[in-house]
Amino acid sequence: MDGIQLKRTIRGQESLEAQILQEMAEALGNSGERVERALARLQESLSRIRQLRESSAGESQAVGDIHIRASLEQEVKLYNRLRHEALEQYRWLIIHREALGIRNHTLVAEQYRLPPPIKA
């Protein structure tokens, strides 16, 4: 192999490595975005729970209160399911980071804080 062929081979390999790194970075970014979307859905559910609790606090033992309580129970179940999904997405993000050789996840834990589960 002469010098020109060697340079072409090296450039081709460097180009391939750059493409692989770009794909890895994009995939990691996608993992982070999935966590963010899951957390956003979780926060929306938490807001609905707070609204229902406020409505429930102002209601008497009337039929409306029963409806609000049923809605609240349903929303709490949804919240806990969404929390589980967010936790799964977070775990996949950590696994993805580990696969890329990233071992310190302190900043990720700070950035993607999961709220606790809620009891009805």
N, C-alpha and C. Protein backbone atom coordinates (compact mmCIF):
# COMPACT_ATOMS: atom_id res chain seq x y z
N MET A 1 0.86 -1.16 0.00
CA MET A 1 0.00 0.00 0.00
C MET A 1 0.91 1.23 0.00
N ASP A 2 0.68 2.12 -0.95
CA ASP A 2 1.52 3.31 -1.00
C ASP A 2 0.94 4.39 -0.09
N GLY A 3 1.62 5.51 -0.01
CA GLY A 3 1.23 6.59 0.90
C GLY A 3 -0.14 7.17 0.61
N ILE A 4 -0.48 7.31 -0.65
CA ILE A 4 -1.78 7.89 -1.04
C ILE A 4 -2.91 6.96 -0.62
N GLN A 5 -2.75 5.67 -0.88
CA GLN A 5 -3.78 4.71 -0.49
C GLN A 5 -3.93 4.67 1.02
N LEU A 6 -2.82 4.76 1.74
CA LEU A 6 -2.86 4.75 3.20
C LEU A 6 -3.62 5.97 3.72
N LYS A 7 -3.34 7.14 3.13
CA LYS A 7 -4.04 8.36 3.55
C LYS A 7 -5.54 8.24 3.28
N ARG A 8 -5.91 7.69 2.13
CA ARG A 8 -7.33 7.50 1.82
C ARG A 8 -7.99 6.55 2.81
N THR A 9 -7.28 5.49 3.13
CA THR A 9 -7.80 4.52 4.10
C THR A 9 -7.99 5.18 5.46
N ILE A 10 -7.00 5.96 5.88
CA ILE A 10 -7.09 6.63 7.18
C ILE A 10 -8.23 7.64 7.17
N ARG A 11 -8.35 8.44 6.10
CA ARG A 11 -9.44 9.42 6.00
C ARG A 11 -10.80 8.72 6.01
N GLY A 12 -10.89 7.61 5.31
CA GLY A 12 -12.14 6.85 5.29
C GLY A 12 -12.50 6.32 6.66
N GLN A 13 -11.49 5.83 7.37
CA GLN A 13 -11.72 5.32 8.72
C GLN A 13 -12.10 6.46 9.66
N GLU A 14 -11.43 7.60 9.56
CA GLU A 14 -11.75 8.75 10.40
C GLU A 14 -13.17 9.24 10.12
N SER A 15 -13.56 9.24 8.85
CA SER A 15 -14.91 9.65 8.48
C SER A 15 -15.94 8.70 9.07
N LEU A 16 -15.67 7.42 8.99
CA LEU A 16 -16.57 6.42 9.56
C LEU A 16 -16.66 6.57 11.07
N GLU A 17 -15.53 6.78 11.73
CA GLU A 17 -15.53 6.98 13.18
C GLU A 17 -16.33 8.22 13.56
N ALA A 18 -16.18 9.29 12.79
CA ALA A 18 -16.94 10.52 13.06
C ALA A 18 -18.43 10.27 12.91
N GLN A 19 -18.82 9.51 11.89
CA GLN A 19 -20.23 9.20 11.69
C GLN A 19 -20.78 8.35 12.84
N ILE A 20 -19.99 7.41 13.28
CA ILE A 20 -20.41 6.56 14.40
C ILE A 20 -20.58 7.39 15.66
N LEU A 21 -19.62 8.27 15.94
CA LEU A 21 -19.72 9.14 17.12
C LEU A 21 -20.95 10.04 17.03
N GLN A 22 -21.22 10.55 15.84
CA GLN A 22 -22.39 11.40 15.66
C GLN A 22 -23.67 10.61 15.93
N GLU A 23 -23.75 9.40 15.43
CA GLU A 23 -24.92 8.55 15.67
C GLU A 23 -25.07 8.24 17.15
N MET A 24 -23.96 7.97 17.82
CA MET A 24 -24.01 7.67 19.26
C MET A 24 -24.51 8.89 20.03
N ALA A 25 -24.02 10.06 19.67
CA ALA A 25 -24.44 11.29 20.34
C ALA A 25 -25.92 11.57 20.10
N GLU A 26 -26.37 11.38 18.88
CA GLU A 26 -27.79 11.58 18.58
C GLU A 26 -28.67 10.59 19.34
N ALA A 27 -28.24 9.36 19.40
CA ALA A 27 -29.02 8.34 20.11
C ALA A 27 -29.09 8.67 21.60
N LEU A 28 -27.98 9.13 22.17
CA LEU A 28 -27.98 9.52 23.58
C LEU A 28 -28.89 10.72 23.79
N GLY A 29 -28.84 11.68 22.88
CA GLY A 29 -29.74 12.84 22.96
C GLY A 29 -31.19 12.42 22.89
N ASN A 30 -31.50 11.46 22.03
CA ASN A 30 -32.87 10.95 21.92
C ASN A 30 -33.31 10.30 23.22
N SER A 31 -32.41 9.60 23.88
CA SER A 31 -32.73 8.98 25.17
C SER A 31 -33.09 10.05 26.19
N GLY A 32 -32.32 11.12 26.22
CA GLY A 32 -32.60 12.23 27.12
C GLY A 32 -33.93 12.90 26.81
N GLU A 33 -34.23 13.06 25.53
CA GLU A 33 -35.51 13.66 25.13
C GLU A 33 -36.69 12.79 25.55
N ARG A 34 -36.52 11.48 25.48
CA ARG A 34 -37.61 10.58 25.92
C ARG A 34 -37.87 10.74 27.42
N VAL A 35 -36.80 10.92 28.19
CA VAL A 35 -36.98 11.15 29.63
C VAL A 35 -37.69 12.48 29.84
N GLU A 36 -37.28 13.51 29.12
CA GLU A 36 -37.91 14.82 29.27
C GLU A 36 -39.39 14.78 28.92
N ARG A 37 -39.74 14.10 27.84
CA ARG A 37 -41.16 13.99 27.46
C ARG A 37 -41.95 13.22 28.53
N ALA A 38 -41.37 12.16 29.05
CA ALA A 38 -42.04 11.38 30.10
C ALA A 38 -42.24 12.22 31.35
N LEU A 39 -41.24 13.02 31.71
CA LEU A 39 -41.36 13.88 32.89
C LEU A 39 -42.39 14.99 32.66
N ALA A 40 -42.48 15.50 31.44
CA ALA A 40 -43.47 16.53 31.13
C ALA A 40 -44.88 15.97 31.29
N ARG A 41 -45.11 14.74 30.78
CA ARG A 41 -46.43 14.11 30.95
C ARG A 41 -46.72 13.89 32.44
N LEU A 42 -45.71 13.54 33.18
CA LEU A 42 -45.87 13.32 34.62
C LEU A 42 -46.26 14.62 35.32
N GLN A 43 -45.62 15.72 34.96
CA GLN A 43 -45.94 17.01 35.56
C GLN A 43 -47.36 17.47 35.20
N GLU A 44 -47.78 17.19 33.97
CA GLU A 44 -49.15 17.52 33.57
C GLU A 44 -50.16 16.77 34.43
N SER A 45 -49.89 15.51 34.66
CA SER A 45 -50.77 14.70 35.50
C SER A 45 -50.77 15.22 36.93
N LEU A 46 -49.61 15.58 37.43
CA LEU A 46 -49.51 16.13 38.79
C LEU A 46 -50.31 17.42 38.92
N SER A 47 -50.29 18.25 37.90
CA SER A 47 -51.08 19.49 37.91
C SER A 47 -52.57 19.18 37.97
N ARG A 48 -53.00 18.18 37.19
CA ARG A 48 -54.41 17.80 37.23
C ARG A 48 -54.79 17.26 38.61
N ILE A 49 -53.91 16.51 39.24
CA ILE A 49 -54.18 15.99 40.59
C ILE A 49 -54.34 17.15 41.56
N ARG A 50 -53.47 18.12 41.48
CA ARG A 50 -53.57 19.29 42.39
C ARG A 50 -54.89 20.03 42.18
N GLN A 51 -55.28 20.20 40.92
CA GLN A 51 -56.55 20.87 40.62
C GLN A 51 -57.72 20.08 41.18
N LEU A 52 -57.70 18.78 41.00
CA LEU A 52 -58.78 17.95 41.52
C LEU A 52 -58.82 17.99 43.04
N ARG A 53 -57.67 17.99 43.68
CA ARG A 53 -57.64 18.07 45.14
C ARG A 53 -58.18 19.40 45.63
N GLU A 54 -57.85 20.47 44.94
CA GLU A 54 -58.39 21.78 45.31
C GLU A 54 -59.90 21.81 45.13
N SER A 55 -60.39 21.22 44.04
CA SER A 55 -61.83 21.15 43.81
C SER A 55 -62.51 20.31 44.87
N SER A 56 -61.87 19.23 45.24
CA SER A 56 -62.42 18.33 46.25
C SER A 56 -62.49 19.00 47.61
N ALA A 57 -61.53 19.84 47.91
CA ALA A 57 -61.51 20.52 49.21
C ALA A 57 -62.67 21.49 49.34
N GLY A 58 -63.15 22.03 48.23
CA GLY A 58 -64.25 22.99 48.26
C GLY A 58 -65.62 22.36 48.14
N GLU A 59 -65.70 21.10 47.87
CA GLU A 59 -66.98 20.42 47.67
C GLU A 59 -67.51 19.84 48.98
N SER A 60 -68.81 19.71 49.03
CA SER A 60 -69.42 19.02 50.16
C SER A 60 -69.51 17.54 49.81
N GLN A 61 -70.27 16.80 50.55
CA GLN A 61 -70.42 15.36 50.28
C GLN A 61 -71.46 15.11 49.19
N ALA A 62 -71.58 16.03 48.28
CA ALA A 62 -72.58 15.92 47.21
C ALA A 62 -72.10 14.99 46.11
N VAL A 63 -72.96 14.83 45.11
CA VAL A 63 -72.65 13.97 43.97
C VAL A 63 -71.40 14.47 43.24
N GLY A 64 -71.24 15.79 43.14
CA GLY A 64 -70.07 16.37 42.49
C GLY A 64 -68.78 15.93 43.16
N ASP A 65 -68.82 15.82 44.47
CA ASP A 65 -67.64 15.40 45.22
C ASP A 65 -67.28 13.95 44.88
N ILE A 66 -68.27 13.10 44.73
CA ILE A 66 -68.02 11.70 44.37
C ILE A 66 -67.37 11.63 42.99
N HIS A 67 -67.87 12.45 42.08
CA HIS A 67 -67.29 12.49 40.74
C HIS A 67 -65.84 12.97 40.80
N ILE A 68 -65.58 13.99 41.59
CA ILE A 68 -64.21 14.52 41.72
C ILE A 68 -63.30 13.46 42.33
N ARG A 69 -63.79 12.77 43.34
CA ARG A 69 -62.97 11.71 43.96
C ARG A 69 -62.64 10.60 42.97
N ALA A 70 -63.63 10.20 42.18
CA ALA A 70 -63.39 9.16 41.17
C ALA A 70 -62.37 9.64 40.14
N SER A 71 -62.51 10.90 39.74
CA SER A 71 -61.55 11.47 38.79
C SER A 71 -60.16 11.54 39.40
N LEU A 72 -60.11 11.89 40.67
CA LEU A 72 -58.83 11.97 41.37
C LEU A 72 -58.16 10.60 41.45
N GLU A 73 -58.93 9.58 41.82
CA GLU A 73 -58.37 8.23 41.89
C GLU A 73 -57.85 7.78 40.53
N GLN A 74 -58.60 8.07 39.49
CA GLN A 74 -58.18 7.70 38.14
C GLN A 74 -56.90 8.45 37.75
N GLU A 75 -56.83 9.73 38.08
CA GLU A 75 -55.65 10.52 37.73
C GLU A 75 -54.42 10.07 38.53
N VAL A 76 -54.62 9.68 39.78
CA VAL A 76 -53.50 9.18 40.58
C VAL A 76 -52.96 7.88 39.98
N LYS A 77 -53.85 7.01 39.53
CA LYS A 77 -53.41 5.78 38.86
C LYS A 77 -52.62 6.11 37.60
N LEU A 78 -53.13 7.06 36.83
CA LEU A 78 -52.42 7.48 35.61
C LEU A 78 -51.06 8.06 35.97
N TYR A 79 -51.02 8.92 36.99
CA TYR A 79 -49.76 9.53 37.42
C TYR A 79 -48.73 8.45 37.77
N ASN A 80 -49.14 7.48 38.56
CA ASN A 80 -48.20 6.44 38.98
C ASN A 80 -47.74 5.58 37.80
N ARG A 81 -48.62 5.36 36.83
CA ARG A 81 -48.22 4.65 35.61
C ARG A 81 -47.23 5.49 34.81
N LEU A 82 -47.52 6.78 34.67
CA LEU A 82 -46.60 7.68 33.96
C LEU A 82 -45.27 7.79 34.69
N ARG A 83 -45.31 7.75 36.01
CA ARG A 83 -44.07 7.80 36.79
C ARG A 83 -43.23 6.56 36.52
N HIS A 84 -43.90 5.42 36.46
CA HIS A 84 -43.19 4.17 36.15
C HIS A 84 -42.56 4.26 34.76
N GLU A 85 -43.30 4.79 33.79
CA GLU A 85 -42.76 4.95 32.43
C GLU A 85 -41.57 5.91 32.42
N ALA A 86 -41.67 7.00 33.18
CA ALA A 86 -40.56 7.96 33.25
C ALA A 86 -39.34 7.30 33.89
N LEU A 87 -39.57 6.50 34.91
CA LEU A 87 -38.47 5.80 35.56
C LEU A 87 -37.80 4.82 34.59
N GLU A 88 -38.60 4.13 33.79
CA GLU A 88 -38.05 3.22 32.78
C GLU A 88 -37.22 3.98 31.76
N GLN A 89 -37.72 5.11 31.30
CA GLN A 89 -36.95 5.91 30.33
C GLN A 89 -35.65 6.41 30.95
N TYR A 90 -35.71 6.78 32.22
CA TYR A 90 -34.51 7.22 32.94
C TYR A 90 -33.50 6.07 33.03
N ARG A 91 -33.99 4.89 33.35
CA ARG A 91 -33.10 3.72 33.43
C ARG A 91 -32.44 3.44 32.09
N TRP A 92 -33.22 3.54 31.00
CA TRP A 92 -32.64 3.32 29.68
C TRP A 92 -31.59 4.38 29.35
N LEU A 93 -31.82 5.60 29.79
CA LEU A 93 -30.81 6.65 29.58
C LEU A 93 -29.52 6.29 30.31
N ILE A 94 -29.63 5.83 31.54
CA ILE A 94 -28.45 5.44 32.31
C ILE A 94 -27.75 4.25 31.64
N ILE A 95 -28.52 3.28 31.19
CA ILE A 95 -27.93 2.13 30.49
C ILE A 95 -27.20 2.59 29.23
N HIS A 96 -27.82 3.49 28.50
CA HIS A 96 -27.22 4.03 27.28
C HIS A 96 -25.90 4.73 27.61
N ARG A 97 -25.91 5.54 28.66
CA ARG A 97 -24.69 6.24 29.07
C ARG A 97 -23.60 5.24 29.47
N GLU A 98 -24.00 4.22 30.22
CA GLU A 98 -23.04 3.19 30.64
C GLU A 98 -22.43 2.49 29.42
N ALA A 99 -23.27 2.20 28.43
CA ALA A 99 -22.78 1.53 27.22
C ALA A 99 -21.77 2.39 26.47
N LEU A 100 -21.89 3.70 26.63
CA LEU A 100 -20.95 4.62 25.98
C LEU A 100 -19.72 4.89 26.84
N GLY A 101 -19.68 4.27 28.02
CA GLY A 101 -18.52 4.43 28.89
C GLY A 101 -18.64 5.58 29.87
N ILE A 102 -19.82 6.19 29.95
CA ILE A 102 -20.04 7.30 30.89
C ILE A 102 -20.50 6.69 32.21
N ARG A 103 -19.72 6.88 33.24
CA ARG A 103 -20.01 6.22 34.51
C ARG A 103 -20.58 7.16 35.58
N ASN A 104 -20.34 8.45 35.48
CA ASN A 104 -20.83 9.40 36.48
C ASN A 104 -22.18 9.94 36.02
N HIS A 105 -23.21 9.67 36.81
CA HIS A 105 -24.56 10.07 36.43
C HIS A 105 -25.14 11.11 37.39
N THR A 106 -24.29 11.76 38.15
CA THR A 106 -24.75 12.74 39.13
C THR A 106 -25.55 13.86 38.48
N LEU A 107 -25.03 14.43 37.41
CA LEU A 107 -25.72 15.53 36.73
C LEU A 107 -27.05 15.07 36.14
N VAL A 108 -27.08 13.86 35.64
CA VAL A 108 -28.32 13.31 35.07
C VAL A 108 -29.37 13.17 36.18
N ALA A 109 -28.95 12.68 37.32
CA ALA A 109 -29.87 12.51 38.45
C ALA A 109 -30.41 13.86 38.91
N GLU A 110 -29.57 14.89 38.86
CA GLU A 110 -30.02 16.22 39.26
C GLU A 110 -30.96 16.82 38.21
N GLN A 111 -30.67 16.59 36.95
CA GLN A 111 -31.46 17.18 35.87
C GLN A 111 -32.82 16.50 35.74
N TYR A 112 -32.87 15.20 35.91
CA TYR A 112 -34.11 14.45 35.71
C TYR A 112 -34.61 13.89 37.03
N ARG A 113 -35.08 14.76 37.88
CA ARG A 113 -35.61 14.32 39.19
C ARG A 113 -37.03 13.79 39.02
N LEU A 114 -37.22 12.59 39.49
CA LEU A 114 -38.55 12.00 39.46
C LEU A 114 -39.28 12.30 40.76
N PRO A 115 -40.48 12.84 40.67
CA PRO A 115 -41.25 13.05 41.89
C PRO A 115 -41.68 11.70 42.47
N PRO A 116 -42.01 11.68 43.75
CA PRO A 116 -42.38 10.40 44.38
C PRO A 116 -43.74 9.91 43.90
N PRO A 117 -44.01 8.62 44.13
CA PRO A 117 -45.35 8.11 43.80
C PRO A 117 -46.39 8.78 44.69
N ILE A 118 -47.63 8.72 44.27
CA ILE A 118 -48.72 9.35 45.02
C ILE A 118 -49.72 8.27 45.41
N LYS A 119 -50.23 8.39 46.62
CA LYS A 119 -51.31 7.51 47.07
C LYS A 119 -52.63 8.25 46.91
N ALA A 120 -53.65 7.51 46.56
CA ALA A 120 -54.97 8.12 46.32
C ALA A 120 -55.58 8.63 47.60
